[in-house]
Amino acid sequence: MGDYDSTADTLRHSRRVGELMAQAITELVERSVRHDLSKTADPELAVFDKFTPKLRDSTYGSEEYKGYLASMGEGLAHHYAVNRHHPEHFTRGVHGMTLVDLVEMLADWKAAAERHADGDLARSLRQQAERFGFSDELGRILHNTASWFGWLPSPDHGTCGVAGRAPNGDRLDCNQPAGHLGRHCDGSRDNLVWDDGEVAGFGDGEWRLAGTLPARDR
C-alpha cells in the first residue's frame, strides 16, 4: 500500500464528475435557448401582447401587478403548465423543482427585474421568499448565487445596519449588504457568534428576512 499513487483514481473520479456535470450543463444550455418560447404562440401570445406593457410599467409585487396576473387567465395558466422554471408549475411549488429549474428561475427573475424601471432583484428575492414559502436555506443559496454572478449590488451600495446584542451586551451592527437574506452578521460575516460560542441575538434569534429591527432596537 505504501507504493499506491492516487493520481489515476483521482483523474478517473474527475472525469466521471465531469460526465455527470455535463448532463446539467446540457440541460441548462437547452433551457437557455428555449426559455419562454411558449409566449410566442397562442394561447399565450395574445395575452402577453396585452399585459406585458402593463406588467413592465407596474411595480413588481404591487396590488396592481397582482391584479394584472389574475386577469391573464388561460394564457398565464398555460405558461405555468409548460414551463418548469415557475414554482406554479408544480403542485408542491419550489419543493418539486430541480437545481436546473432553480437556476433558470433565478435568471428569469433577474431579467424580469431589469424590465421594470424600479426593478430590484434583492427586493424581488425577499418578496418571492414570502410568496412561495422558501426556506431560509434556499433563500440564502439563491442570494449567494445572484451575488456570485454579480446580479446584486455590491456591499459598496450600502450595508444592512441592523443592531444586535452580543451575549455580554455589546452592540453589534450587521454589515451584510443592504437587503440581504438570512441571519444578520457581524464584521466577520459569520452569524453573530461571540467568542465563547454563544449566539448573539436580534430579539427572537430566529432566521428571517433581514431588514427589520427587533422591537427593542426600533
C-alpha atoms as a PDB file:
ATOM      1  CA  MET A   1       0.000   0.000   0.000  1.00  0.00           C
ATOM      2  CA  GLY A   2       2.933   2.304   0.572  1.00  0.00           C
ATOM      3  CA  ASP A   3       3.568   2.469  -3.182  1.00  0.00           C
ATOM      4  CA  TYR A   4      -0.011   3.473  -4.022  1.00  0.00           C
ATOM      5  CA  ASP A   5      -0.324   6.589  -6.198  1.00  0.00           C
ATOM      6  CA  SER A   6      -3.825   8.077  -6.061  1.00  0.00           C
ATOM      7  CA  THR A   7      -3.387  10.160  -9.226  1.00  0.00           C
ATOM      8  CA  ALA A   8      -5.052   7.674 -11.577  1.00  0.00           C
ATOM      9  CA  ASP A   9      -8.036   7.174  -9.282  1.00  0.00           C
ATOM     10  CA  THR A  10      -8.405  10.930  -8.840  1.00  0.00           C
ATOM     11  CA  LEU A  11      -8.332  11.507 -12.601  1.00  0.00           C
ATOM     12  CA  ARG A  12     -10.966   8.795 -13.178  1.00  0.00           C
ATOM     13  CA  HIS A  13     -13.140  10.392 -10.495  1.00  0.00           C
ATOM     14  CA  SER A  14     -12.622  13.836 -12.022  1.00  0.00           C
ATOM     15  CA  ARG A  15     -13.685  12.587 -15.466  1.00  0.00           C
ATOM     16  CA  ARG A  16     -16.755  10.882 -14.023  1.00  0.00           C
ATOM     17  CA  VAL A  17     -17.829  14.005 -12.153  1.00  0.00           C
ATOM     18  CA  GLY A  18     -17.339  15.929 -15.394  1.00  0.00           C
ATOM     19  CA  GLU A  19     -19.593  13.480 -17.227  1.00  0.00           C
ATOM     20  CA  LEU A  20     -22.332  13.906 -14.628  1.00  0.00           C
ATOM     21  CA  MET A  21     -21.980  17.692 -14.593  1.00  0.00           C
ATOM     22  CA  ALA A  22     -22.277  17.674 -18.388  1.00  0.00           C
ATOM     23  CA  GLN A  23     -25.843  16.403 -18.009  1.00  0.00           C
ATOM     24  CA  ALA A  24     -26.746  19.523 -16.060  1.00  0.00           C
ATOM     25  CA  ILE A  25     -24.772  21.746 -18.443  1.00  0.00           C
ATOM     26  CA  THR A  26     -26.569  20.278 -21.457  1.00  0.00           C
ATOM     27  CA  GLU A  27     -29.941  20.841 -19.830  1.00  0.00           C
ATOM     28  CA  LEU A  28     -29.061  24.424 -18.913  1.00  0.00           C
ATOM     29  CA  VAL A  29     -27.943  25.159 -22.491  1.00  0.00           C
ATOM     30  CA  GLU A  30     -31.202  23.742 -23.835  1.00  0.00           C
ATOM     31  CA  ARG A  31     -33.195  25.853 -21.383  1.00  0.00           C
ATOM     32  CA  SER A  32     -31.205  28.955 -22.326  1.00  0.00           C
ATOM     33  CA  VAL A  33     -32.272  28.760 -25.982  1.00  0.00           C
ATOM     34  CA  ARG A  34     -35.933  27.862 -25.443  1.00  0.00           C
ATOM     35  CA  HIS A  35     -36.777  29.992 -22.419  1.00  0.00           C
ATOM     36  CA  ASP A  36     -40.315  31.422 -22.651  1.00  0.00           C
ATOM     37  CA  LEU A  37     -40.777  30.459 -26.309  1.00  0.00           C
ATOM     38  CA  SER A  38     -44.292  29.311 -25.437  1.00  0.00           C
ATOM     39  CA  LYS A  39     -45.166  33.009 -25.169  1.00  0.00           C
ATOM     40  CA  THR A  40     -44.733  33.376 -28.933  1.00  0.00           C
ATOM     41  CA  ALA A  41     -47.812  31.317 -29.815  1.00  0.00           C
ATOM     42  CA  ASP A  42     -51.397  31.168 -28.616  1.00  0.00           C
ATOM     43  CA  PRO A  43     -52.950  30.705 -26.151  1.00  0.00           C
ATOM     44  CA  GLU A  44     -50.162  32.753 -24.593  1.00  0.00           C
ATOM     45  CA  LEU A  45     -49.267  35.236 -27.326  1.00  0.00           C
ATOM     46  CA  ALA A  46     -52.440  37.327 -27.298  1.00  0.00           C
ATOM     47  CA  VAL A  47     -52.452  37.514 -23.504  1.00  0.00           C
ATOM     48  CA  PHE A  48     -48.814  38.585 -23.241  1.00  0.00           C
ATOM     49  CA  ASP A  49     -49.270  41.091 -26.089  1.00  0.00           C
ATOM     50  CA  LYS A  50     -51.896  42.774 -23.936  1.00  0.00           C
ATOM     51  CA  PHE A  51     -50.342  42.513 -20.497  1.00  0.00           C
ATOM     52  CA  THR A  52     -46.559  42.670 -20.942  1.00  0.00           C
ATOM     53  CA  PRO A  53     -46.531  46.501 -21.288  1.00  0.00           C
ATOM     54  CA  LYS A  54     -48.807  46.800 -18.257  1.00  0.00           C
ATOM     55  CA  LEU A  55     -46.644  44.481 -16.163  1.00  0.00           C
ATOM     56  CA  ARG A  56     -43.487  46.320 -17.240  1.00  0.00           C
ATOM     57  CA  ASP A  57     -44.913  49.680 -16.156  1.00  0.00           C
ATOM     58  CA  SER A  58     -46.112  48.393 -12.783  1.00  0.00           C
ATOM     59  CA  THR A  59     -44.167  47.740  -9.588  1.00  0.00           C
ATOM     60  CA  TYR A  60     -43.419  44.064  -9.100  1.00  0.00           C
ATOM     61  CA  GLY A  61     -45.439  42.602  -6.249  1.00  0.00           C
ATOM     62  CA  SER A  62     -47.818  45.573  -6.029  1.00  0.00           C
ATOM     63  CA  GLU A  63     -51.588  45.102  -5.905  1.00  0.00           C
ATOM     64  CA  GLU A  64     -51.730  46.472  -9.448  1.00  0.00           C
ATOM     65  CA  TYR A  65     -49.196  43.862 -10.596  1.00  0.00           C
ATOM     66  CA  LYS A  66     -51.092  41.052  -8.872  1.00  0.00           C
ATOM     67  CA  GLY A  67     -54.311  42.262 -10.485  1.00  0.00           C
ATOM     68  CA  TYR A  68     -52.778  42.012 -13.944  1.00  0.00           C
ATOM     69  CA  LEU A  69     -51.624  38.456 -13.263  1.00  0.00           C
ATOM     70  CA  ALA A  70     -55.095  37.479 -12.103  1.00  0.00           C
ATOM     71  CA  SER A  71     -56.548  38.882 -15.345  1.00  0.00           C
ATOM     72  CA  MET A  72     -54.216  36.890 -17.593  1.00  0.00           C
ATOM     73  CA  GLY A  73     -56.340  33.767 -17.172  1.00  0.00           C
ATOM     74  CA  GLU A  74     -55.808  30.875 -19.570  1.00  0.00           C
ATOM     75  CA  GLY A  75     -52.695  32.365 -21.167  1.00  0.00           C
ATOM     76  CA  LEU A  76     -50.783  32.574 -17.896  1.00  0.00           C
ATOM     77  CA  ALA A  77     -52.109  29.211 -16.710  1.00  0.00           C
ATOM     78  CA  HIS A  78     -50.818  27.618 -19.927  1.00  0.00           C
ATOM     79  CA  HIS A  79     -47.439  29.316 -19.468  1.00  0.00           C
ATOM     80  CA  TYR A  80     -47.065  27.899 -15.978  1.00  0.00           C
ATOM     81  CA  ALA A  81     -48.199  24.463 -17.156  1.00  0.00           C
ATOM     82  CA  VAL A  82     -45.491  24.114 -19.830  1.00  0.00           C
ATOM     83  CA  ASN A  83     -42.560  25.884 -18.134  1.00  0.00           C
ATOM     84  CA  ARG A  84     -40.729  24.231 -15.250  1.00  0.00           C
ATOM     85  CA  HIS A  85     -38.894  27.388 -14.155  1.00  0.00           C
ATOM     86  CA  HIS A  86     -42.057  28.624 -12.428  1.00  0.00           C
ATOM     87  CA  PRO A  87     -42.929  27.285  -8.952  1.00  0.00           C
ATOM     88  CA  GLU A  88     -46.564  27.407 -10.108  1.00  0.00           C
ATOM     89  CA  HIS A  89     -45.760  24.545 -12.498  1.00  0.00           C
ATOM     90  CA  PHE A  90     -45.594  22.147  -9.554  1.00  0.00           C
ATOM     91  CA  THR A  91     -48.290  21.121  -7.101  1.00  0.00           C
ATOM     92  CA  ARG A  92     -45.610  21.336  -4.392  1.00  0.00           C
ATOM     93  CA  GLY A  93     -44.197  24.660  -5.576  1.00  0.00           C
ATOM     94  CA  VAL A  94     -40.448  25.037  -5.129  1.00  0.00           C
ATOM     95  CA  HIS A  95     -40.328  21.661  -3.381  1.00  0.00           C
ATOM     96  CA  GLY A  96     -40.955  19.993  -6.742  1.00  0.00           C
ATOM     97  CA  MET A  97     -38.169  21.837  -8.582  1.00  0.00           C
ATOM     98  CA  THR A  98     -34.697  20.677  -9.580  1.00  0.00           C
ATOM     99  CA  LEU A  99     -31.477  22.669  -9.325  1.00  0.00           C
ATOM    100  CA  VAL A 100     -31.684  23.298 -13.072  1.00  0.00           C
ATOM    101  CA  ASP A 101     -35.221  24.655 -12.652  1.00  0.00           C
ATOM    102  CA  LEU A 102     -33.988  26.956  -9.886  1.00  0.00           C
ATOM    103  CA  VAL A 103     -31.117  28.328 -11.972  1.00  0.00           C
ATOM    104  CA  GLU A 104     -33.485  29.184 -14.816  1.00  0.00           C
ATOM    105  CA  MET A 105     -35.960  30.655 -12.326  1.00  0.00           C
ATOM    106  CA  LEU A 106     -33.312  32.906 -10.777  1.00  0.00           C
ATOM    107  CA  ALA A 107     -32.104  34.099 -14.192  1.00  0.00           C
ATOM    108  CA  ASP A 108     -35.738  34.772 -15.133  1.00  0.00           C
ATOM    109  CA  TRP A 109     -36.216  36.894 -12.018  1.00  0.00           C
ATOM    110  CA  LYS A 110     -33.025  38.840 -12.713  1.00  0.00           C
ATOM    111  CA  ALA A 111     -34.069  39.562 -16.311  1.00  0.00           C
ATOM    112  CA  ALA A 112     -37.604  40.439 -15.204  1.00  0.00           C
ATOM    113  CA  ALA A 113     -36.274  42.929 -12.648  1.00  0.00           C
ATOM    114  CA  GLU A 114     -34.325  44.635 -15.430  1.00  0.00           C
ATOM    115  CA  ARG A 115     -37.564  45.170 -17.380  1.00  0.00           C
ATOM    116  CA  HIS A 116     -39.060  47.285 -14.585  1.00  0.00           C
ATOM    117  CA  ALA A 117     -37.966  50.875 -14.118  1.00  0.00           C
ATOM    118  CA  ASP A 118     -37.857  50.279 -10.359  1.00  0.00           C
ATOM    119  CA  GLY A 119     -36.746  46.639 -10.612  1.00  0.00           C
ATOM    120  CA  ASP A 120     -34.584  45.316  -7.790  1.00  0.00           C
ATOM    121  CA  LEU A 121     -33.553  41.649  -7.638  1.00  0.00           C
ATOM    122  CA  ALA A 122     -32.714  41.800  -3.931  1.00  0.00           C
ATOM    123  CA  ARG A 123     -36.202  43.091  -3.175  1.00  0.00           C
ATOM    124  CA  SER A 124     -37.703  40.554  -5.555  1.00  0.00           C
ATOM    125  CA  LEU A 125     -35.937  37.707  -3.724  1.00  0.00           C
ATOM    126  CA  ARG A 126     -37.450  38.849  -0.432  1.00  0.00           C
ATOM    127  CA  GLN A 127     -40.905  39.072  -2.000  1.00  0.00           C
ATOM    128  CA  GLN A 128     -40.589  35.694  -3.689  1.00  0.00           C
ATOM    129  CA  ALA A 129     -39.424  34.068  -0.458  1.00  0.00           C
ATOM    130  CA  GLU A 130     -42.648  35.187   1.179  1.00  0.00           C
ATOM    131  CA  ARG A 131     -44.798  34.410  -1.863  1.00  0.00           C
ATOM    132  CA  PHE A 132     -43.527  30.861  -2.386  1.00  0.00           C
ATOM    133  CA  GLY A 133     -42.578  29.959   1.173  1.00  0.00           C
ATOM    134  CA  PHE A 134     -38.851  29.433   0.610  1.00  0.00           C
ATOM    135  CA  SER A 135     -36.839  28.008   3.433  1.00  0.00           C
ATOM    136  CA  ASP A 136     -34.145  30.351   4.710  1.00  0.00           C
ATOM    137  CA  GLU A 137     -31.535  27.954   3.353  1.00  0.00           C
ATOM    138  CA  LEU A 138     -32.943  28.130  -0.188  1.00  0.00           C
ATOM    139  CA  GLY A 139     -33.282  31.898   0.036  1.00  0.00           C
ATOM    140  CA  ARG A 140     -29.655  32.135   1.104  1.00  0.00           C
ATOM    141  CA  ILE A 141     -28.498  29.872  -1.760  1.00  0.00           C
ATOM    142  CA  LEU A 142     -30.399  31.956  -4.338  1.00  0.00           C
ATOM    143  CA  HIS A 143     -28.975  35.146  -2.862  1.00  0.00           C
ATOM    144  CA  ASN A 144     -25.443  33.678  -2.830  1.00  0.00           C
ATOM    145  CA  THR A 145     -25.790  32.594  -6.461  1.00  0.00           C
ATOM    146  CA  ALA A 146     -27.034  36.001  -7.589  1.00  0.00           C
ATOM    147  CA  SER A 147     -24.179  37.659  -5.703  1.00  0.00           C
ATOM    148  CA  TRP A 148     -21.626  35.268  -7.225  1.00  0.00           C
ATOM    149  CA  PHE A 149     -22.660  36.248 -10.746  1.00  0.00           C
ATOM    150  CA  GLY A 150     -22.732  39.955  -9.921  1.00  0.00           C
ATOM    151  CA  TRP A 151     -26.510  40.240 -10.241  1.00  0.00           C
ATOM    152  CA  LEU A 152     -26.878  42.065  -6.918  1.00  0.00           C
ATOM    153  CA  PRO A 153     -25.380  45.360  -5.742  1.00  0.00           C
ATOM    154  CA  SER A 154     -22.018  45.049  -4.062  1.00  0.00           C
ATOM    155  CA  PRO A 155     -21.623  45.927  -0.360  1.00  0.00           C
ATOM    156  CA  ASP A 156     -20.425  49.338  -1.511  1.00  0.00           C
ATOM    157  CA  HIS A 157     -24.081  50.139  -2.222  1.00  0.00           C
ATOM    158  CA  GLY A 158     -24.843  50.141   1.497  1.00  0.00           C
ATOM    159  CA  THR A 159     -24.959  47.774   4.428  1.00  0.00           C
ATOM    160  CA  CYS A 160     -27.850  46.415   6.438  1.00  0.00           C
ATOM    161  CA  GLY A 161     -27.011  48.179   9.713  1.00  0.00           C
ATOM    162  CA  VAL A 162     -29.495  46.269  11.887  1.00  0.00           C
ATOM    163  CA  ALA A 163     -28.322  46.340  15.505  1.00  0.00           C
ATOM    164  CA  GLY A 164     -27.991  43.252  17.697  1.00  0.00           C
ATOM    165  CA  ARG A 165     -26.510  42.411  21.078  1.00  0.00           C
ATOM    166  CA  ALA A 166     -23.608  40.111  21.886  1.00  0.00           C
ATOM    167  CA  PRO A 167     -24.065  37.885  24.962  1.00  0.00           C
ATOM    168  CA  ASN A 168     -22.034  40.371  27.029  1.00  0.00           C
ATOM    169  CA  GLY A 169     -24.358  43.199  25.982  1.00  0.00           C
ATOM    170  CA  ASP A 170     -22.105  44.848  23.411  1.00  0.00           C
ATOM    171  CA  ARG A 171     -23.870  46.240  20.367  1.00  0.00           C
ATOM    172  CA  LEU A 172     -23.060  44.574  17.042  1.00  0.00           C
ATOM    173  CA  ASP A 173     -24.198  46.098  13.743  1.00  0.00           C
ATOM    174  CA  CYS A 174     -24.912  43.885  10.732  1.00  0.00           C
ATOM    175  CA  ASN A 175     -22.536  44.686   7.882  1.00  0.00           C
ATOM    176  CA  GLN A 176     -24.148  42.404   5.292  1.00  0.00           C
ATOM    177  CA  PRO A 177     -25.234  44.178   2.069  1.00  0.00           C
ATOM    178  CA  ALA A 178     -28.493  46.070   2.383  1.00  0.00           C
ATOM    179  CA  GLY A 179     -31.446  43.834   1.592  1.00  0.00           C
ATOM    180  CA  HIS A 180     -29.626  40.565   2.277  1.00  0.00           C
ATOM    181  CA  LEU A 181     -31.403  37.322   3.155  1.00  0.00           C
ATOM    182  CA  GLY A 182     -30.820  35.201   6.241  1.00  0.00           C
ATOM    183  CA  ARG A 183     -29.329  35.893   9.633  1.00  0.00           C
ATOM    184  CA  HIS A 184     -27.719  39.234  10.342  1.00  0.00           C
ATOM    185  CA  CYS A 185     -23.925  39.124  10.502  1.00  0.00           C
ATOM    186  CA  ASP A 186     -21.108  40.977  12.214  1.00  0.00           C
ATOM    187  CA  GLY A 187     -17.833  42.195  10.724  1.00  0.00           C
ATOM    188  CA  SER A 188     -16.560  38.669  10.211  1.00  0.00           C
ATOM    189  CA  ARG A 189     -19.585  37.874   8.034  1.00  0.00           C
ATOM    190  CA  ASP A 190     -20.304  34.878  10.242  1.00  0.00           C
ATOM    191  CA  ASN A 191     -23.589  34.568  12.067  1.00  0.00           C
ATOM    192  CA  LEU A 192     -23.300  36.751  15.144  1.00  0.00           C
ATOM    193  CA  VAL A 193     -21.425  34.290  17.364  1.00  0.00           C
ATOM    194  CA  TRP A 194     -19.442  35.554  20.320  1.00  0.00           C
ATOM    195  CA  ASP A 195     -16.008  34.251  21.302  1.00  0.00           C
ATOM    196  CA  ASP A 196     -17.394  31.660  23.715  1.00  0.00           C
ATOM    197  CA  GLY A 197     -19.726  30.241  21.058  1.00  0.00           C
ATOM    198  CA  GLU A 198     -22.915  31.906  22.269  1.00  0.00           C
ATOM    199  CA  VAL A 199     -25.120  33.275  19.528  1.00  0.00           C
ATOM    200  CA  ALA A 200     -25.820  36.974  19.581  1.00  0.00           C
ATOM    201  CA  GLY A 201     -29.480  37.894  19.488  1.00  0.00           C
ATOM    202  CA  PHE A 202     -31.811  40.092  17.470  1.00  0.00           C
ATOM    203  CA  GLY A 203     -34.897  39.699  19.587  1.00  0.00           C
ATOM    204  CA  ASP A 204     -36.335  36.290  18.694  1.00  0.00           C
ATOM    205  CA  GLY A 205     -32.974  34.983  17.460  1.00  0.00           C
ATOM    206  CA  GLU A 206     -34.599  33.059  14.602  1.00  0.00           C
ATOM    207  CA  TRP A 207     -33.727  33.019  10.930  1.00  0.00           C
ATOM    208  CA  ARG A 208     -35.691  35.597   8.985  1.00  0.00           C
ATOM    209  CA  LEU A 209     -35.580  38.019   6.108  1.00  0.00           C
ATOM    210  CA  ALA A 210     -33.208  40.747   7.170  1.00  0.00           C
ATOM    211  CA  GLY A 211     -34.001  44.413   7.195  1.00  0.00           C
ATOM    212  CA  THR A 212     -36.410  44.738  10.114  1.00  0.00           C
ATOM    213  CA  LEU A 213     -35.238  45.873  13.502  1.00  0.00           C
ATOM    214  CA  PRO A 214     -36.330  43.831  16.506  1.00  0.00           C
ATOM    215  CA  ALA A 215     -38.820  45.616  18.722  1.00  0.00           C
ATOM    216  CA  ARG A 216     -36.209  46.521  21.332  1.00  0.00           C
ATOM    217  CA  ASP A 217     -33.993  48.264  18.743  1.00  0.00           C
ATOM    218  CA  ARG A 218     -36.676  50.228  16.873  1.00  0.00           C
END
